[in-house]
N, C-alpha and C. Protein backbone atom coordinates (compact mmCIF):
# COMPACT_ATOMS: atom_id res chain seq x y z
N MET A 1 9.34 -7.32 1.44
CA MET A 1 10.54 -6.99 1.77
C MET A 1 9.94 -7.27 3.47
N LEU A 2 8.84 -6.84 3.39
CA LEU A 2 8.17 -7.21 4.75
C LEU A 2 8.17 -9.19 4.54
N ALA A 3 7.65 -9.67 3.95
CA ALA A 3 7.55 -10.87 3.86
C ALA A 3 9.19 -11.37 4.44
N GLU A 4 10.28 -11.23 3.92
CA GLU A 4 11.39 -11.72 3.57
C GLU A 4 11.49 -11.30 5.25
N ALA A 5 11.04 -9.83 5.89
CA ALA A 5 12.12 -10.01 7.28
C ALA A 5 10.80 -10.53 8.01
N LEU A 6 10.01 -11.04 8.02
CA LEU A 6 9.65 -11.23 8.97
C LEU A 6 8.86 -13.65 8.81
N HIS A 7 9.72 -13.92 7.75
CA HIS A 7 10.37 -15.13 7.25
C HIS A 7 8.17 -15.84 7.27
N PHE A 8 8.16 -15.04 6.63
CA PHE A 8 5.97 -15.48 5.60
C PHE A 8 6.63 -15.10 4.14
N HIS A 9 5.36 -16.30 3.61
CA HIS A 9 5.14 -16.23 2.50
C HIS A 9 4.03 -14.78 2.49
N PRO A 10 4.57 -14.58 1.47
CA PRO A 10 3.74 -12.64 1.11
C PRO A 10 2.81 -12.83 1.33
N ASN A 11 1.86 -14.24 0.60
CA ASN A 11 0.21 -14.20 0.50
C ASN A 11 -0.11 -14.33 1.66
N TYR A 12 0.54 -14.86 2.74
CA TYR A 12 0.18 -14.90 4.36
C TYR A 12 -0.13 -13.80 4.72
N ILE A 13 0.79 -12.81 4.35
CA ILE A 13 1.17 -11.72 5.43
C ILE A 13 0.19 -10.95 4.63
N VAL A 14 -0.20 -11.11 3.88
CA VAL A 14 -1.62 -10.09 2.92
C VAL A 14 -3.29 -10.94 3.36
N ARG A 15 -3.34 -11.90 3.55
CA ARG A 15 -4.21 -12.48 3.64
C ARG A 15 -3.60 -12.47 6.11
N CYS A 16 -3.32 -12.36 6.38
CA CYS A 16 -3.17 -11.69 7.82
C CYS A 16 -3.51 -10.47 8.35
N MET A 17 -2.64 -9.70 7.52
CA MET A 17 -2.92 -8.08 7.20
C MET A 17 -4.19 -7.97 6.98
N LYS A 18 -5.02 -8.83 5.90
CA LYS A 18 -6.63 -8.61 5.46
C LYS A 18 -7.59 -8.81 6.34
N ALA A 19 -6.80 -9.92 7.39
CA ALA A 19 -8.22 -10.18 7.76
C ALA A 19 -8.25 -9.44 9.94
N LYS A 20 -6.83 -9.11 10.36
CA LYS A 20 -6.90 -8.24 10.96
C LYS A 20 -7.05 -6.48 10.78
N TYR A 21 -7.01 -6.27 9.86
CA TYR A 21 -6.72 -4.12 9.26
C TYR A 21 -7.63 -3.97 8.56
N GLY A 22 -8.14 -5.01 7.66
CA GLY A 22 -9.31 -4.82 7.17
C GLY A 22 -8.39 -4.01 5.37
N CYS A 23 -7.17 -4.04 5.24
CA CYS A 23 -6.23 -3.66 4.33
C CYS A 23 -5.27 -4.19 4.01
N THR A 24 -4.17 -4.94 2.84
CA THR A 24 -3.35 -4.87 2.00
C THR A 24 -2.22 -4.04 2.69
N PRO A 25 -0.82 -4.83 3.19
CA PRO A 25 0.50 -3.48 2.60
C PRO A 25 0.88 -2.83 2.05
N SER A 26 -0.46 -3.19 1.17
CA SER A 26 -0.08 -2.27 0.17
C SER A 26 -0.56 -0.83 0.18
N ASP A 27 -1.85 -1.09 0.24
CA ASP A 27 -3.06 -0.17 0.60
C ASP A 27 -2.61 0.70 2.09
N TYR A 28 -2.41 -0.76 2.83
CA TYR A 28 -1.62 0.54 4.09
C TYR A 28 -0.22 1.80 3.59
N LEU A 29 0.32 1.32 3.39
CA LEU A 29 1.19 2.05 2.33
C LEU A 29 1.25 2.85 2.12
N GLN A 30 -0.04 3.25 1.21
CA GLN A 30 -0.80 3.63 -0.06
C GLN A 30 -1.56 5.17 0.97
N GLU A 31 -2.06 5.00 2.12
CA GLU A 31 -2.71 5.68 3.15
C GLU A 31 -2.02 6.17 3.46
N ILE A 32 -0.61 5.77 4.31
CA ILE A 32 0.24 6.14 5.33
C ILE A 32 0.90 7.64 3.83
N ARG A 33 1.04 7.33 3.10
CA ARG A 33 2.19 7.97 1.61
C ARG A 33 0.73 9.72 1.32
N LEU A 34 0.00 8.91 1.01
CA LEU A 34 -1.36 10.38 1.05
C LEU A 34 -1.80 11.03 2.35
N ASP A 35 -1.60 10.42 3.81
CA ASP A 35 -2.03 11.23 4.50
C ASP A 35 -0.31 12.07 5.05
N HIS A 36 0.84 12.44 3.99
CA HIS A 36 1.99 12.94 4.07
C HIS A 36 2.04 13.49 3.31
N ALA A 37 1.10 12.90 1.95
CA ALA A 37 1.23 13.90 1.22
C ALA A 37 -0.12 16.14 1.99
N ARG A 38 -0.58 14.98 2.51
CA ARG A 38 -2.11 16.14 3.00
C ARG A 38 -1.15 16.83 3.89
N ARG A 39 0.04 16.56 4.53
CA ARG A 39 -0.04 17.35 5.62
C ARG A 39 1.01 18.38 4.66
N LEU A 40 1.72 17.97 3.40
CA LEU A 40 2.89 18.94 2.73
C LEU A 40 2.34 19.46 2.02
N LEU A 41 0.68 19.05 1.09
CA LEU A 41 0.23 20.05 0.05
C LEU A 41 -0.29 21.07 1.35
N VAL A 42 -0.93 21.27 2.49
CA VAL A 42 -0.82 22.33 3.21
C VAL A 42 0.14 23.11 3.93
N THR A 43 1.58 22.55 4.02
CA THR A 43 2.63 22.59 4.74
C THR A 43 3.50 23.63 4.76
N THR A 44 3.59 22.95 2.82
CA THR A 44 4.46 24.04 1.51
C THR A 44 3.91 24.19 0.85
N ASP A 45 5.30 24.86 -0.10
CA ASP A 45 4.72 25.53 -1.52
C ASP A 45 5.57 24.09 -1.79
N TRP A 46 5.57 23.17 -1.95
CA TRP A 46 6.37 22.76 -3.36
C TRP A 46 4.98 22.22 -4.14
N SER A 47 5.75 21.67 -4.91
CA SER A 47 4.99 21.83 -6.56
C SER A 47 4.36 20.49 -5.97
N ILE A 48 3.49 19.65 -6.95
CA ILE A 48 2.52 18.58 -6.68
C ILE A 48 3.12 17.77 -7.39
N ASP A 49 4.29 17.46 -8.28
CA ASP A 49 5.20 16.78 -8.75
C ASP A 49 6.78 16.05 -7.48
N CYS A 50 6.99 17.50 -6.62
CA CYS A 50 8.26 17.46 -5.11
C CYS A 50 6.66 16.57 -4.63
N VAL A 51 6.46 17.23 -4.17
CA VAL A 51 5.25 16.51 -3.26
C VAL A 51 4.60 15.29 -3.27
N ALA A 52 4.15 14.68 -4.97
CA ALA A 52 4.64 13.66 -5.04
C ALA A 52 5.51 12.51 -4.56
N GLU A 53 6.58 13.34 -5.21
CA GLU A 53 8.14 11.76 -5.06
C GLU A 53 8.21 12.20 -3.88
N GLU A 54 8.44 13.48 -3.04
CA GLU A 54 9.00 13.00 -1.47
C GLU A 54 8.42 12.17 -0.64
N VAL A 55 6.60 11.38 -1.11
CA VAL A 55 5.51 10.82 -0.33
C VAL A 55 6.76 8.87 -1.36
N GLY A 56 6.77 8.92 -2.06
CA GLY A 56 7.73 8.12 -2.42
C GLY A 56 6.60 7.52 -3.64
N PHE A 57 5.89 8.28 -4.85
CA PHE A 57 5.49 8.13 -5.73
C PHE A 57 6.69 8.19 -6.91
N ARG A 58 6.43 7.78 -8.09
CA ARG A 58 7.14 7.43 -9.12
C ARG A 58 6.46 8.37 -10.01
N TYR A 59 5.37 8.83 -10.30
CA TYR A 59 4.73 9.23 -11.25
C TYR A 59 3.35 9.93 -10.79
N SER A 60 3.99 11.34 -10.92
CA SER A 60 2.76 12.35 -10.42
C SER A 60 1.22 12.79 -10.76
N PRO A 61 0.73 11.75 -12.36
CA PRO A 61 -0.12 11.98 -12.55
C PRO A 61 -0.51 10.81 -11.50
N TYR A 62 0.44 9.92 -11.42
CA TYR A 62 -0.63 8.64 -11.00
C TYR A 62 -0.73 8.88 -8.63
N PHE A 63 0.26 9.73 -8.83
CA PHE A 63 -0.23 10.20 -7.64
C PHE A 63 -1.27 11.28 -7.04
N SER A 64 -1.75 12.18 -7.96
CA SER A 64 -2.95 12.97 -8.32
C SER A 64 -3.81 11.97 -8.74
N ALA A 65 -3.97 10.79 -8.59
CA ALA A 65 -5.55 9.54 -9.16
C ALA A 65 -5.50 9.57 -8.06
N CYS A 66 -4.99 8.85 -7.70
CA CYS A 66 -5.37 8.22 -6.35
C CYS A 66 -5.19 8.85 -5.14
N PHE A 67 -4.77 10.16 -5.29
CA PHE A 67 -5.12 11.30 -4.21
C PHE A 67 -6.78 11.64 -4.50
N LYS A 68 -6.73 11.64 -5.62
CA LYS A 68 -8.30 12.35 -6.45
C LYS A 68 -9.10 10.81 -5.35
N ARG A 69 -8.87 9.88 -5.74
CA ARG A 69 -9.66 9.06 -5.35
C ARG A 69 -9.98 8.73 -4.05
N LYS A 70 -8.79 8.85 -3.25
CA LYS A 70 -8.83 8.78 -1.68
C LYS A 70 -9.75 10.21 -1.29
N MET A 71 -9.74 11.58 -1.91
CA MET A 71 -10.34 12.55 -0.75
C MET A 71 -11.14 13.48 -1.68
N GLY A 72 -11.21 12.85 -2.96
CA GLY A 72 -12.50 13.27 -3.83
C GLY A 72 -12.06 14.86 -5.06
N ILE A 73 -10.97 14.71 -4.45
CA ILE A 73 -10.25 16.01 -5.32
C ILE A 73 -9.19 15.58 -5.19
N SER A 74 -8.36 16.60 -5.98
CA SER A 74 -7.75 16.49 -6.79
C SER A 74 -6.05 17.59 -5.96
N PRO A 75 -5.65 16.66 -5.81
CA PRO A 75 -4.03 17.97 -5.08
C PRO A 75 -4.44 19.47 -5.04
N LEU A 76 -4.37 19.86 -6.06
CA LEU A 76 -3.79 21.56 -6.86
C LEU A 76 -5.40 21.51 -5.42
N GLN A 77 -6.98 21.08 -6.01
CA GLN A 77 -7.52 21.75 -5.28
C GLN A 77 -7.81 21.05 -3.28
N PHE A 78 -7.34 20.12 -3.68
CA PHE A 78 -6.79 20.27 -1.78
C PHE A 78 -6.05 21.27 -0.97
N ARG A 79 -5.41 22.31 -2.08
CA ARG A 79 -4.69 22.75 -1.86
C ARG A 79 -4.92 24.56 -1.16
N LYS A 80 -5.73 23.93 -2.37
CA LYS A 80 -6.40 25.39 -2.86
C LYS A 80 -7.07 25.53 -1.99
N GLN A 81 -8.26 25.01 -1.31
CA GLN A 81 -9.23 24.85 -0.14
C GLN A 81 -8.82 24.59 1.16
N TYR A 82 -7.77 24.76 1.45
CA TYR A 82 -6.41 25.29 2.89
C TYR A 82 -6.43 26.11 3.02
N LEU A 83 -5.78 27.07 1.69
CA LEU A 83 -4.26 27.80 1.84
C LEU A 83 -6.21 29.32 1.71
N ARG A 84 -7.10 28.83 1.38
CA ARG A 84 -8.09 29.82 1.91
C ARG A 84 -7.89 31.16 2.96
């Protein structure tokens, strides 16, 4: 969608973003989604499945794996850590 909107080849956009920001568009989008998920985990009592869906992950196990890879702890452990 980004390539279409900017009228550039997708590979060119990925190369430029990687050179300028050090990440690909999909890496950046995932970072934004995980930041939003962290806020939701602390400020709501929604289930992990609902949080995953709200931030744009189709499958909550994949969301949990991405979250754990980024934060070092699972979404549930993250929530418990901040609700003490």
